[in-house]
Each structure stands twice: as structure tokens, then as C-alpha cells.
Amino acid sequence: MSLGWEYRGITAVGTVLLALAAGTVATVLTGESTFTNTEAVVPTVALIGGVIGVALVPLYTSRPRSVPTLIGRTGRQVAIACLVLVSLGPAGVAAAPDVPTMLVAGGLLAPALPVWYGVCRRRVRPQRVLVVGDQPALLKSTIQSLPVEPLGFLSPVLSEPAIRMTDLEEMISTETPGDTEQTVVTDGGVPTGGRIDEIDGVARIDGLSRLEHVLRERDIDTVALAFSQGDRQEYFGVLRTCHELGVDALVHESLEDQVLQGERVGDALVRVNLEPWPWYSRAAKRAFDVAFATVALLVAAPLLLVIAVTIRLDSPGPILYGQTRTAKLGGTFPVWKFRSMHPESEDANPGNADGQITRVGRVLRKTHLDEIPQLLSILSGKMSVVGPRAVWTDEEQLLQREVESWSKRWTVTPGLTGLAQIRNIDSTNGHAKLKCDLEHIRRQSLWFDLKIIITQLGQVLIDVVRLITERVSTDDVDSQSTERAD
């Protein structure tokens, strides 16, 4: 769907003007131009503006894009344009710029153009909103709370009979999903009553499974969620899609405790803070994660074979143990650890594990060596060195029932260690653990993460010393007992 020539024209003109400015600055800085021979470089600057303007045509359409995607695609197109311009010199084009000029111009445009496109997307075009949900009453409340008219809504097939749309407040405040009399069918189902194809003048576009397609096809800026439950699959699935495509998200106030909230919008909506940290903090954190995991794997490499053999000799079963844990925004990913428990002894209750730990497993857990394989998850980006501890999905079901706002910690990438770990707070105390995780989200900085890591390493060192001391004491007692027996 075209956004119109007005939007395309503004982004194109801005791109060319920025390219001309970058070309002018580059020719001055590299010595190609002086204040006395500006006429000589006008063709060069014009050529830079023209080629850059053509190369960036794919970015003139305001498709939903995350910030990393926008930066990456812009950088790629700028690089292509620079290569083309530099190659024109050997081809005999007199106005072609040299390599230093294009290095400077490209270096200026790579960060400037994504900012320009972001400004155009938010300021030049009218906001395009899509409502997504599964309950007619919440859908209507959400539509009425929006400051602009949405393009439509996505939902399962809903039936019309017995929906008391005039008694909205009572329905939202007193009914549970099982109390309502409407029929909700999956995207491909057939309702028993009349279909609801329109709510408050807004038409139903399609089912929930078409979300990503509709976001891209209709160039949506904002999604307003109107779900009856904050479940992992649908509610957080929509939030994950919004995050991946760089689309803003609003949620109905009935489920605002499930997410990190931003400002209020209208009477019943709250903006979701999908990225609580600025981009430069995320970039620095990611660079640190990669460096830390790489160095740690190199240092730990000699231990891997020793640990594997020891586990195999100690108890029957696999060397590695895999577990599905919660990723950012409620997604899931496999976590691998060195096995520290007897096979088939896993219990979702965090307080029931002690009796199933093997002898070698106790040492691995005390020294945290069982965590080494998780460094691979850090390298892949599924985990961070510091963040809310990734929790087993089965265990998390218990924690979600215990702590209503537990899913707020899903807003950031889970970590190998965190504030709760250095304070010795585990999943047996869900409320305290969540409090620590939210504190870290609020205070996060590279320096704060470093302090957590240093504290954690200090605690590991103390545990290792204590383990060695206990072992020496046990050997002394055994030796004395043997001497008495002799």
C-alpha cells in the first residue's frame, strides 16, 4: 500500500539535500574544494547527491522497521552508493569523487539518514493504528479510547449474540473470559451466531495469524492490544511482533500490570515501553556481552573435556542438559547446562531440587561451572551477561500465578546473572526476585552491570574457597578416623 507521493517526496528531497551537504563537507575536509574554487567541485557534489538519492529509493517507503533494521539497510545502501561513485573515476567520469571524499561523506550519511527517516515516519505522515484483540467489549473500549480512528481490527472470528455492548463497564469489570456469552473461534473456524465484522464503525480486517502481514501491508505505526488475558502466545506474541518491526504498542488498562508502562493514551490505554533502555546503552551492552562470552569460553575451554568426563563417570545420563526458558517478551529458547541432577528428576517447584543433585553436580553448581554452555546463548543474542535470570517455562507458570506482574521482567533480554543472584534471592521468593529485576531494569548501565559481575565473581571465589576448605576438613576427619581404626 502506497503512503502517497507527499511522504515519498519529502523523504527523497531530504535525502538528496543531506547527500549534497555531506558531499560539500567531505570535499572541503579532504582538500578537493576550497572557498576559492567551489565552482570546480559543484559537479562532484551534484553527482554525490544524485547517486545517493537513487540508491536510497528503497527507504522512501515507510514500512515498519526496527531501529537496527533501519540503520542496517540505510548503511548498506549508502555503502553501495559510495562504491558506485568511487568506481566512476576509473571509468572516466571527470566529476567522480575520490575515495577519501566518499569515506567522509558516507560516514556522515550513515548515521544522519536513519534519523531523517525516523523523523519523517513520525511527523510527516498521519498515524496509522491497528487494534488487535479477542473480546468485543475490550475492542470497543480500546477503539473509543484512541485519539485517532484506527484502520481496522484483527481478532478471532467473534459471534454477535448476547454481547451486551451497551453495558460495557459492567462487562469489563465483572466478567471473566469464561463468563461472556459470545463465541470466539480460531481464525479458520465457523461461529455459531452472526459474525462481528464491525465494532463502533471500525471494520474487522482479518484474523490474528495475519498480524505481521497486515502490519507490513498497511504500514502500521501503532498497535492497540485488547486481549482478555495476558498470555504468552497471543498477547506477548503481538508485542514481540511489534518489537521486531519497530511498531509502537498500546495496551488496555485492564492488563497494564503485565508490562512496563509508559504514558497514558486516551481514557483506557497505556503505552508499552518495549525498549526501556536507549539504543546506545543496548549497543554497548551487546558489545560487552560478545566480548565477555568470547573471553570466558576461551578461558574455560581446557575445562570442558574434564567436566564432561567427570559427569559421565559420576552418574548415568547425558553430559548436557537442555531446558526451555523464557526469552525477551515471552518468547522461548533452549538453554544448555552441564547436567548436575539425576536424569528424569526435574521438578518445576524450585524448592524440590536439592535431593536430586549429583555429587559432581554439587561441585558444578557451587563453582557455577555448570553454566559454561550458556555462554553460547549469550553469543547468539538470546541471553545477556547481566539481566533477569532466564526461568524454566514450567517453573514460570507457578511464578506467574504467585506474582501478578511477573511478566514485566520479560521486557529485557534475560541474563546469566543479575541483581537477584548477587543478593541470594531465588525463585522461591518470586516477589523479591521481581523487585530486584525491575530495579536492575531501572538502573541499568554498563558500570552497574560491571559491579554486578564483579560481585558475582567474588561470590563464586568465596564459594570455591569454602568448597575446598570443606573438602580438606572432610579428608582430615576421614584420616583421623582411619588412624584410630588402625
Protein backbone atom coordinates (compact mmCIF):
# COMPACT_ATOMS: atom_id res chain seq x y z
CA MET A 1 0.00 0.00 0.00
CA SER A 2 1.46 3.35 -1.06
CA LEU A 3 1.80 6.08 1.53
CA GLY A 4 1.37 8.72 -1.18
CA TRP A 5 3.72 10.87 -3.15
CA GLU A 6 3.82 13.53 -0.46
CA TYR A 7 5.63 11.26 2.00
CA ARG A 8 7.92 9.80 -0.66
CA GLY A 9 8.71 13.26 -1.98
CA ILE A 10 9.64 14.67 1.43
CA THR A 11 11.92 11.75 2.29
CA ALA A 12 13.55 11.86 -1.16
CA VAL A 13 14.18 15.61 -1.10
CA GLY A 14 15.60 15.38 2.42
CA THR A 15 17.88 12.53 1.38
CA VAL A 16 19.28 14.44 -1.59
CA LEU A 17 19.79 17.62 0.46
CA LEU A 18 21.62 15.67 3.17
CA ALA A 19 23.75 13.99 0.50
CA LEU A 20 24.62 17.37 -1.05
CA ALA A 21 25.54 18.74 2.36
CA ALA A 22 27.66 15.69 3.18
CA GLY A 23 29.36 15.90 -0.21
CA THR A 24 30.16 19.57 0.30
CA VAL A 25 31.61 19.00 3.77
CA ALA A 26 33.59 15.99 2.52
CA THR A 27 35.18 17.87 -0.38
CA VAL A 28 36.24 20.68 1.96
CA LEU A 29 37.67 18.35 4.60
CA THR A 30 39.59 16.26 2.07
CA GLY A 31 41.01 19.27 0.23
CA GLU A 32 39.11 18.77 -3.02
CA SER A 33 37.39 22.10 -2.51
CA THR A 34 38.39 25.47 -1.12
CA PHE A 35 36.45 28.67 -0.74
CA THR A 36 38.06 29.95 -3.96
CA ASN A 37 37.33 27.01 -6.28
CA THR A 38 33.84 25.97 -5.24
CA GLU A 39 32.63 26.00 -8.84
CA ALA A 40 35.08 23.24 -9.72
CA VAL A 41 33.51 20.77 -7.32
CA VAL A 42 29.84 21.57 -7.97
CA PRO A 43 29.56 18.68 -10.48
CA THR A 44 31.14 16.32 -7.92
CA VAL A 45 28.74 17.35 -5.16
CA ALA A 46 25.78 17.12 -7.55
CA LEU A 47 26.86 13.64 -8.62
CA ILE A 48 27.09 12.54 -4.99
CA GLY A 49 23.59 13.87 -4.28
CA GLY A 50 22.11 12.20 -7.35
CA VAL A 51 23.63 8.75 -6.83
CA ILE A 52 22.85 8.73 -3.10
CA GLY A 53 19.28 9.84 -3.84
CA VAL A 54 18.76 6.97 -6.29
CA ALA A 55 20.45 4.36 -4.09
CA LEU A 56 18.19 5.17 -1.13
CA VAL A 57 14.91 4.78 -3.06
CA PRO A 58 14.02 1.53 -1.19
CA LEU A 59 13.98 3.53 2.07
CA TYR A 60 11.42 6.06 0.83
CA THR A 61 8.53 3.71 1.63
CA SER A 62 7.58 3.91 5.30
CA ARG A 63 7.44 0.22 6.07
CA PRO A 64 7.53 -0.77 9.75
CA ARG A 65 11.19 -1.26 10.66
CA SER A 66 13.03 -1.66 13.92
CA VAL A 67 15.89 0.77 14.62
CA PRO A 68 18.65 -1.83 13.97
CA THR A 69 16.97 -2.83 10.70
CA LEU A 70 16.62 0.79 9.58
CA ILE A 71 20.27 1.54 10.42
CA GLY A 72 21.47 -1.63 8.72
CA ARG A 73 19.54 -1.12 5.49
CA THR A 74 20.46 2.54 5.27
CA GLY A 75 24.13 1.74 5.85
CA ARG A 76 24.04 -0.93 3.16
CA GLN A 77 22.51 1.39 0.56
CA VAL A 78 24.94 4.19 1.43
CA ALA A 79 27.86 1.75 1.07
CA ILE A 80 26.59 0.62 -2.34
CA ALA A 81 26.28 4.23 -3.48
CA CYS A 82 29.81 5.03 -2.27
CA LEU A 83 31.25 2.07 -4.17
CA VAL A 84 29.44 3.14 -7.33
CA LEU A 85 30.69 6.73 -7.02
CA VAL A 86 34.30 5.68 -6.41
CA SER A 87 34.20 3.30 -9.40
CA LEU A 88 33.12 6.12 -11.73
CA GLY A 89 36.62 7.67 -11.60
CA PRO A 90 38.42 4.74 -13.28
CA ALA A 91 35.51 4.61 -15.74
CA GLY A 92 36.46 8.07 -16.99
CA VAL A 93 33.86 10.28 -15.27
CA ALA A 94 35.67 13.54 -14.55
CA ALA A 95 33.35 14.63 -11.74
CA ALA A 96 33.70 11.37 -9.80
CA PRO A 97 34.81 11.85 -6.17
CA ASP A 98 37.90 10.17 -4.79
CA VAL A 99 37.98 7.53 -2.03
CA PRO A 100 38.73 9.89 0.92
CA THR A 101 35.83 12.13 -0.06
CA MET A 102 33.37 9.23 -0.13
CA LEU A 103 34.68 7.82 3.15
CA VAL A 104 33.88 11.14 4.82
CA ALA A 105 30.55 11.59 3.03
CA GLY A 106 29.47 8.03 3.76
CA GLY A 107 30.50 8.38 7.40
CA LEU A 108 28.30 11.47 7.71
CA LEU A 109 25.28 10.00 5.91
CA ALA A 110 25.19 6.59 7.59
CA PRO A 111 24.00 8.00 10.95
CA ALA A 112 22.15 11.06 9.60
CA LEU A 113 19.79 9.35 7.15
CA PRO A 114 18.19 6.88 9.63
CA VAL A 115 17.40 9.83 11.89
CA TRP A 116 15.80 11.65 8.97
CA TYR A 117 13.66 8.65 8.02
CA GLY A 118 12.57 8.20 11.61
CA VAL A 119 11.51 11.85 11.82
CA CYS A 120 9.59 11.57 8.54
CA ARG A 121 7.78 8.43 9.65
CA ARG A 122 6.56 10.00 12.87
CA ARG A 123 6.00 13.60 11.79
CA VAL A 124 5.19 13.76 8.10
CA ARG A 125 2.52 11.09 7.73
CA PRO A 126 -0.64 10.66 9.79
CA GLN A 127 -0.56 7.98 12.47
CA ARG A 128 -1.84 4.58 11.32
CA VAL A 129 -3.29 2.48 14.13
CA LEU A 130 -4.43 -1.15 14.20
CA VAL A 131 -6.45 -2.68 17.03
CA VAL A 132 -5.80 -6.33 17.92
CA GLY A 133 -7.79 -8.33 20.47
CA ASP A 134 -10.12 -11.18 21.30
CA GLN A 135 -13.09 -9.69 23.20
CA PRO A 136 -15.71 -7.35 21.69
CA ALA A 137 -16.14 -5.25 24.84
CA LEU A 138 -12.42 -4.60 25.16
CA LEU A 139 -12.12 -3.97 21.43
CA LYS A 140 -14.85 -1.33 21.64
CA SER A 141 -13.34 0.30 24.72
CA THR A 142 -9.94 0.42 23.01
CA ILE A 143 -11.34 1.88 19.78
CA GLN A 144 -13.17 4.59 21.71
CA SER A 145 -10.03 5.48 23.70
CA LEU A 146 -7.80 6.03 20.67
CA PRO A 147 -7.09 9.66 19.73
CA VAL A 148 -7.32 8.72 16.01
CA GLU A 149 -9.62 6.39 14.14
CA PRO A 150 -7.92 3.01 13.59
CA LEU A 151 -7.66 1.46 10.14
CA GLY A 152 -9.38 -1.67 11.42
CA PHE A 153 -9.02 -4.51 13.90
CA LEU A 154 -7.74 -8.07 13.92
CA SER A 155 -9.44 -10.73 16.03
CA PRO A 156 -10.56 -14.34 16.03
CA VAL A 157 -13.98 -14.85 14.47
CA LEU A 158 -16.40 -13.45 17.06
CA SER A 159 -20.13 -14.12 17.25
CA GLU A 160 -22.65 -11.39 17.91
CA PRO A 161 -25.47 -12.88 20.06
CA ALA A 162 -25.80 -11.89 23.69
CA ILE A 163 -23.00 -9.32 23.63
CA ARG A 164 -24.17 -6.55 25.92
CA MET A 165 -22.29 -3.80 24.13
CA THR A 166 -24.36 -1.14 25.94
CA ASP A 167 -23.27 -2.41 29.35
CA LEU A 168 -19.55 -2.05 28.68
CA GLU A 169 -18.38 -1.05 32.14
CA GLU A 170 -20.05 -4.00 33.83
CA MET A 171 -18.61 -6.45 31.31
CA ILE A 172 -15.03 -5.22 31.63
CA SER A 173 -15.10 -5.00 35.42
CA THR A 174 -17.03 -8.16 36.33
CA GLU A 175 -16.83 -10.74 33.55
CA THR A 176 -14.06 -13.21 33.00
CA PRO A 177 -13.37 -14.70 29.57
CA GLY A 178 -15.48 -17.73 30.52
CA ASP A 179 -18.45 -15.62 31.65
CA THR A 180 -19.16 -13.92 28.32
CA GLU A 181 -21.73 -15.45 26.02
CA GLN A 182 -20.07 -14.60 22.73
CA THR A 183 -18.49 -17.37 20.71
CA VAL A 184 -14.79 -16.99 19.95
CA VAL A 185 -13.47 -19.22 17.18
CA THR A 186 -9.95 -19.52 15.81
CA ASP A 187 -9.02 -17.74 12.60
CA GLY A 188 -10.25 -20.55 10.41
CA GLY A 189 -13.33 -21.52 12.45
CA VAL A 190 -17.03 -21.01 11.86
CA PRO A 191 -19.04 -19.11 14.50
CA THR A 192 -22.38 -20.40 15.74
CA GLY A 193 -24.01 -16.96 15.62
CA GLY A 194 -23.76 -13.86 13.49
CA ARG A 195 -20.24 -12.66 12.81
CA ILE A 196 -18.98 -9.42 14.26
CA ASP A 197 -17.39 -7.73 11.27
CA GLU A 198 -17.57 -4.19 12.63
CA ILE A 199 -17.27 -2.56 16.06
CA ASP A 200 -18.07 1.09 16.61
CA GLY A 201 -17.72 1.81 12.90
CA VAL A 202 -14.33 0.07 12.61
CA ALA A 203 -14.14 -2.99 10.34
CA ARG A 204 -12.54 -6.33 11.09
CA ILE A 205 -9.65 -6.84 8.68
CA ASP A 206 -8.57 -10.42 9.35
CA GLY A 207 -7.58 -12.97 11.98
CA LEU A 208 -4.72 -12.78 14.49
CA SER A 209 -2.48 -15.02 12.41
CA ARG A 210 -2.27 -12.31 9.74
CA LEU A 211 -0.79 -9.70 12.08
CA GLU A 212 2.68 -9.41 10.57
CA HIS A 213 1.32 -9.33 7.02
CA VAL A 214 -1.18 -6.59 7.87
CA LEU A 215 1.45 -4.52 9.70
CA ARG A 216 3.70 -4.58 6.65
CA GLU A 217 0.99 -4.26 4.01
CA ARG A 218 -0.79 -1.34 5.66
CA ASP A 219 2.31 0.38 7.07
CA ILE A 220 1.03 0.42 10.64
CA ASP A 221 2.65 2.76 13.20
CA THR A 222 0.86 1.64 16.36
CA VAL A 223 -0.93 -1.48 17.55
CA ALA A 224 -3.51 -1.24 20.34
CA LEU A 225 -3.97 -4.53 22.22
CA ALA A 226 -7.40 -5.50 23.58
CA PHE A 227 -6.95 -9.02 24.94
CA SER A 228 -8.84 -10.62 27.80
CA GLN A 229 -5.71 -12.35 29.12
CA GLY A 230 -2.01 -11.52 29.15
CA ASP A 231 -0.97 -14.92 27.84
CA ARG A 232 2.42 -15.77 26.38
CA GLN A 233 1.24 -16.93 22.96
CA GLU A 234 -1.19 -14.24 21.77
CA TYR A 235 -0.77 -11.16 23.99
CA PHE A 236 3.02 -11.29 24.20
CA GLY A 237 3.20 -12.74 20.70
CA VAL A 238 1.70 -9.49 19.40
CA LEU A 239 4.16 -7.46 21.49
CA ARG A 240 7.09 -9.49 20.09
CA THR A 241 5.93 -8.82 16.53
CA CYS A 242 5.58 -5.09 17.28
CA HIS A 243 9.08 -5.02 18.75
CA GLU A 244 10.62 -6.85 15.79
CA LEU A 245 9.03 -4.45 13.29
CA GLY A 246 9.58 -1.26 15.26
CA VAL A 247 5.85 -0.65 15.79
CA ASP A 248 4.59 1.13 18.91
CA ALA A 249 2.22 -0.77 21.20
CA LEU A 250 -0.65 0.33 23.42
CA VAL A 251 -2.48 -1.97 25.85
CA HIS A 252 -5.85 -1.76 27.53
CA GLU A 253 -5.59 -0.68 31.16
CA SER A 254 -7.07 -3.99 32.32
CA LEU A 255 -3.72 -5.66 31.53
CA GLU A 256 -1.30 -2.78 32.16
CA ASP A 257 0.29 -4.57 35.14
CA GLN A 258 1.70 -7.21 32.76
CA VAL A 259 4.10 -4.79 31.03
CA LEU A 260 6.35 -1.81 31.68
CA GLN A 261 4.08 1.18 31.21
CA GLY A 262 4.75 4.48 29.52
CA GLU A 263 2.36 7.40 29.30
CA ARG A 264 -1.42 7.05 29.25
CA VAL A 265 -3.24 7.42 25.93
CA GLY A 266 -6.91 8.31 25.99
CA ASP A 267 -9.19 7.07 28.76
CA ALA A 268 -8.30 3.37 28.87
CA LEU A 269 -4.95 2.81 27.13
CA VAL A 270 -1.33 2.78 28.24
CA ARG A 271 1.76 2.88 26.02
CA VAL A 272 4.05 -0.14 26.39
CA ASN A 273 7.74 0.53 26.99
CA LEU A 274 9.09 -2.17 24.66
CA GLU A 275 12.66 -0.82 24.90
CA PRO A 276 13.33 0.62 28.38
CA TRP A 277 16.98 1.32 27.51
CA PRO A 278 18.21 3.77 24.83
CA TRP A 279 19.84 2.36 21.71
CA TYR A 280 23.37 3.36 22.71
CA SER A 281 23.04 1.51 26.04
CA ARG A 282 21.79 -1.59 24.22
CA ALA A 283 24.66 -1.36 21.72
CA ALA A 284 27.27 -1.03 24.48
CA LYS A 285 25.69 -3.87 26.44
CA ARG A 286 25.66 -6.14 23.40
CA ALA A 287 29.31 -5.38 22.59
CA PHE A 288 30.25 -6.17 26.18
CA ASP A 289 28.24 -9.42 26.10
CA VAL A 290 30.06 -10.65 22.99
CA ALA A 291 33.48 -9.74 24.38
CA PHE A 292 32.78 -11.31 27.79
CA ALA A 293 31.36 -14.55 26.37
CA THR A 294 34.22 -14.94 23.89
CA VAL A 295 36.94 -14.46 26.51
CA ALA A 296 35.14 -16.67 29.03
CA LEU A 297 34.78 -19.52 26.52
CA LEU A 298 38.47 -19.32 25.62
CA VAL A 299 39.48 -19.38 29.29
CA ALA A 300 37.10 -22.23 30.13
CA ALA A 301 37.93 -24.34 27.06
CA PRO A 302 40.51 -26.59 28.84
CA LEU A 303 37.91 -27.47 31.50
CA LEU A 304 35.19 -28.62 29.13
CA LEU A 305 36.56 -32.11 28.48
CA VAL A 306 37.40 -32.65 32.16
CA ILE A 307 33.88 -31.68 33.22
CA ALA A 308 32.30 -33.90 30.56
CA VAL A 309 34.31 -36.96 31.60
CA THR A 310 33.63 -36.35 35.30
CA ILE A 311 29.87 -36.12 34.72
CA ARG A 312 29.89 -39.34 32.69
CA LEU A 313 31.81 -41.24 35.39
CA ASP A 314 29.70 -39.90 38.26
CA SER A 315 26.20 -40.90 37.10
CA PRO A 316 24.44 -42.34 34.06
CA GLY A 317 22.80 -39.91 31.68
CA PRO A 318 23.68 -37.19 29.16
CA ILE A 319 26.51 -34.73 29.72
CA LEU A 320 24.48 -31.71 28.73
CA TYR A 321 21.01 -30.88 29.92
CA GLY A 322 18.59 -28.76 27.90
CA GLN A 323 15.69 -26.74 29.21
CA THR A 324 13.20 -24.38 27.57
CA ARG A 325 13.35 -20.96 29.18
CA THR A 326 11.70 -17.60 28.67
CA ALA A 327 13.31 -15.11 26.31
CA LYS A 328 12.58 -11.43 25.79
CA LEU A 329 8.87 -10.52 25.59
CA GLY A 330 7.73 -14.00 26.50
CA GLY A 331 9.47 -15.90 23.73
CA THR A 332 11.24 -19.17 24.45
CA PHE A 333 14.69 -20.58 23.70
CA PRO A 334 16.70 -23.67 24.71
CA VAL A 335 19.24 -23.27 27.50
CA TRP A 336 22.04 -25.83 27.81
CA LYS A 337 23.92 -26.59 31.01
CA PHE A 338 26.24 -29.31 32.22
CA ARG A 339 23.96 -31.85 33.88
CA SER A 340 24.02 -31.53 37.67
CA MET A 341 20.97 -33.67 38.56
CA HIS A 342 19.93 -37.25 38.10
CA PRO A 343 18.04 -37.80 34.83
CA GLU A 344 14.23 -37.51 34.95
CA SER A 345 14.32 -35.78 38.34
CA GLU A 346 13.33 -32.30 37.22
CA ASP A 347 10.67 -30.55 39.30
CA ALA A 348 9.03 -27.23 38.42
CA ASN A 349 8.90 -26.34 42.11
CA PRO A 350 12.24 -24.59 42.77
CA GLY A 351 12.33 -25.85 46.35
CA ASN A 352 12.29 -29.56 45.49
CA ALA A 353 15.60 -29.93 43.63
CA ASP A 354 18.22 -30.41 46.36
CA GLY A 355 17.68 -34.14 46.84
CA GLN A 356 18.20 -34.88 43.15
CA ILE A 357 21.59 -33.20 42.68
CA THR A 358 24.54 -35.49 41.92
CA ARG A 359 27.89 -35.37 43.74
CA VAL A 360 29.62 -33.78 40.76
CA GLY A 361 26.56 -31.59 40.26
CA ARG A 362 27.01 -30.04 43.70
CA VAL A 363 30.56 -29.04 42.82
CA LEU A 364 29.49 -27.70 39.42
CA ARG A 365 26.72 -25.64 40.98
CA LYS A 366 28.91 -24.31 43.78
CA THR A 367 31.54 -23.19 41.28
CA HIS A 368 28.96 -22.20 38.62
CA LEU A 369 30.84 -24.30 36.06
CA ASP A 370 27.55 -25.88 35.01
CA GLU A 371 26.68 -22.51 33.43
CA ILE A 372 29.53 -22.51 30.88
CA PRO A 373 27.39 -23.73 27.91
CA GLN A 374 25.09 -20.73 28.42
CA LEU A 375 27.89 -18.53 27.09
CA LEU A 376 26.85 -19.78 23.65
CA SER A 377 23.37 -18.36 24.23
CA ILE A 378 24.99 -15.02 25.08
CA LEU A 379 26.95 -15.05 21.82
CA SER A 380 23.76 -15.80 19.86
CA GLY A 381 21.97 -12.86 21.50
CA LYS A 382 19.32 -14.93 23.30
CA MET A 383 20.87 -14.03 26.65
CA SER A 384 22.92 -11.23 28.17
CA VAL A 385 25.63 -11.47 30.82
CA VAL A 386 23.53 -9.40 33.23
CA GLY A 387 19.75 -9.31 33.32
CA PRO A 388 16.73 -11.01 34.86
CA ARG A 389 17.60 -14.67 35.24
CA ALA A 390 16.09 -16.81 32.47
CA VAL A 391 13.48 -19.05 34.11
CA TRP A 392 12.28 -22.51 33.07
CA THR A 393 8.87 -22.09 31.41
CA ASP A 394 7.21 -24.76 33.59
CA GLU A 395 8.51 -23.09 36.75
CA GLU A 396 7.41 -19.72 35.42
CA GLN A 397 3.79 -20.85 35.29
CA LEU A 398 3.91 -21.23 39.08
CA LEU A 399 5.60 -17.85 39.49
CA GLN A 400 3.04 -16.10 37.29
CA ARG A 401 0.24 -17.42 39.48
CA GLU A 402 2.10 -16.25 42.57
CA VAL A 403 3.23 -12.82 41.27
CA GLU A 404 0.70 -10.95 39.12
CA SER A 405 3.24 -8.62 37.49
CA TRP A 406 5.89 -11.29 36.88
CA SER A 407 5.88 -10.79 33.11
CA LYS A 408 7.23 -7.22 33.48
CA ARG A 409 10.70 -8.76 33.70
CA TRP A 410 10.24 -10.12 30.16
CA THR A 411 10.80 -6.62 28.73
CA VAL A 412 14.58 -7.09 28.51
CA THR A 413 16.91 -9.91 27.46
CA PRO A 414 17.40 -12.48 30.24
CA GLY A 415 20.81 -12.72 31.86
CA LEU A 416 23.34 -15.22 33.13
CA THR A 417 23.42 -13.38 36.43
CA GLY A 418 21.61 -10.41 37.89
CA LEU A 419 20.81 -8.30 40.91
CA ALA A 420 18.67 -11.03 42.46
CA GLN A 421 21.51 -13.57 42.17
CA ILE A 422 24.11 -11.45 43.98
CA ARG A 423 21.54 -10.79 46.70
CA ASN A 424 20.94 -14.55 47.03
CA ILE A 425 17.26 -14.27 46.07
CA ASP A 426 15.97 -17.20 44.04
CA SER A 427 12.64 -18.25 42.55
CA THR A 428 11.31 -19.44 45.91
CA ASN A 429 10.70 -15.74 46.65
CA GLY A 430 9.07 -14.50 43.46
CA HIS A 431 8.05 -11.06 44.74
CA ALA A 432 11.56 -10.18 45.94
CA LYS A 433 13.09 -11.55 42.75
CA LEU A 434 10.81 -9.44 40.57
CA LYS A 435 11.61 -6.37 42.67
CA CYS A 436 15.33 -6.90 42.06
CA ASP A 437 14.82 -7.46 38.33
CA LEU A 438 12.79 -4.27 37.95
CA GLU A 439 15.41 -2.35 39.94
CA HIS A 440 18.08 -3.53 37.51
CA ILE A 441 15.95 -2.53 34.52
CA ARG A 442 15.52 0.92 36.03
CA ARG A 443 19.19 1.42 36.97
CA GLN A 444 20.90 -0.39 34.11
CA SER A 445 24.19 0.97 32.84
CA LEU A 446 27.45 -0.63 31.75
CA TRP A 447 29.05 0.39 35.04
CA PHE A 448 26.16 -1.05 37.06
CA ASP A 449 26.43 -4.32 35.11
CA LEU A 450 30.18 -4.43 35.79
CA LYS A 451 29.57 -4.03 39.52
CA ILE A 452 27.10 -6.93 39.44
CA ILE A 453 29.59 -9.12 37.55
CA ILE A 454 32.44 -8.27 39.92
CA THR A 455 30.24 -9.03 42.92
CA GLN A 456 29.13 -12.32 41.36
CA LEU A 457 32.72 -13.37 40.60
CA GLY A 458 33.69 -12.53 44.17
CA GLN A 459 30.88 -14.73 45.48
CA VAL A 460 31.97 -17.56 43.19
CA LEU A 461 35.53 -17.25 44.51
CA ILE A 462 34.27 -17.41 48.10
CA ASP A 463 32.18 -20.50 47.23
CA VAL A 464 35.22 -22.18 45.67
CA VAL A 465 37.39 -21.46 48.72
CA ARG A 466 34.65 -22.71 51.03
CA LEU A 467 34.25 -25.86 48.93
CA ILE A 468 37.99 -26.57 49.08
CA THR A 469 38.05 -25.89 52.83
CA GLU A 470 35.14 -28.25 53.44
CA ARG A 471 36.82 -30.90 51.32
CA VAL A 472 40.09 -30.57 53.26
CA SER A 473 38.22 -30.76 56.57
CA THR A 474 36.39 -33.88 55.42
CA ASP A 475 39.66 -35.51 54.36
CA ASP A 476 41.21 -34.70 57.76
CA VAL A 477 38.28 -36.26 59.60
CA ASP A 478 38.46 -39.37 57.42
CA SER A 479 42.21 -39.60 58.00
CA GLN A 480 41.81 -39.34 61.78
CA SER A 481 39.10 -41.98 61.76
CA THR A 482 41.37 -44.31 59.79
CA GLU A 483 44.24 -43.77 62.24
CA ARG A 484 42.02 -44.60 65.23
CA ALA A 485 40.81 -47.73 63.49
CA ASP A 486 44.39 -48.81 62.93
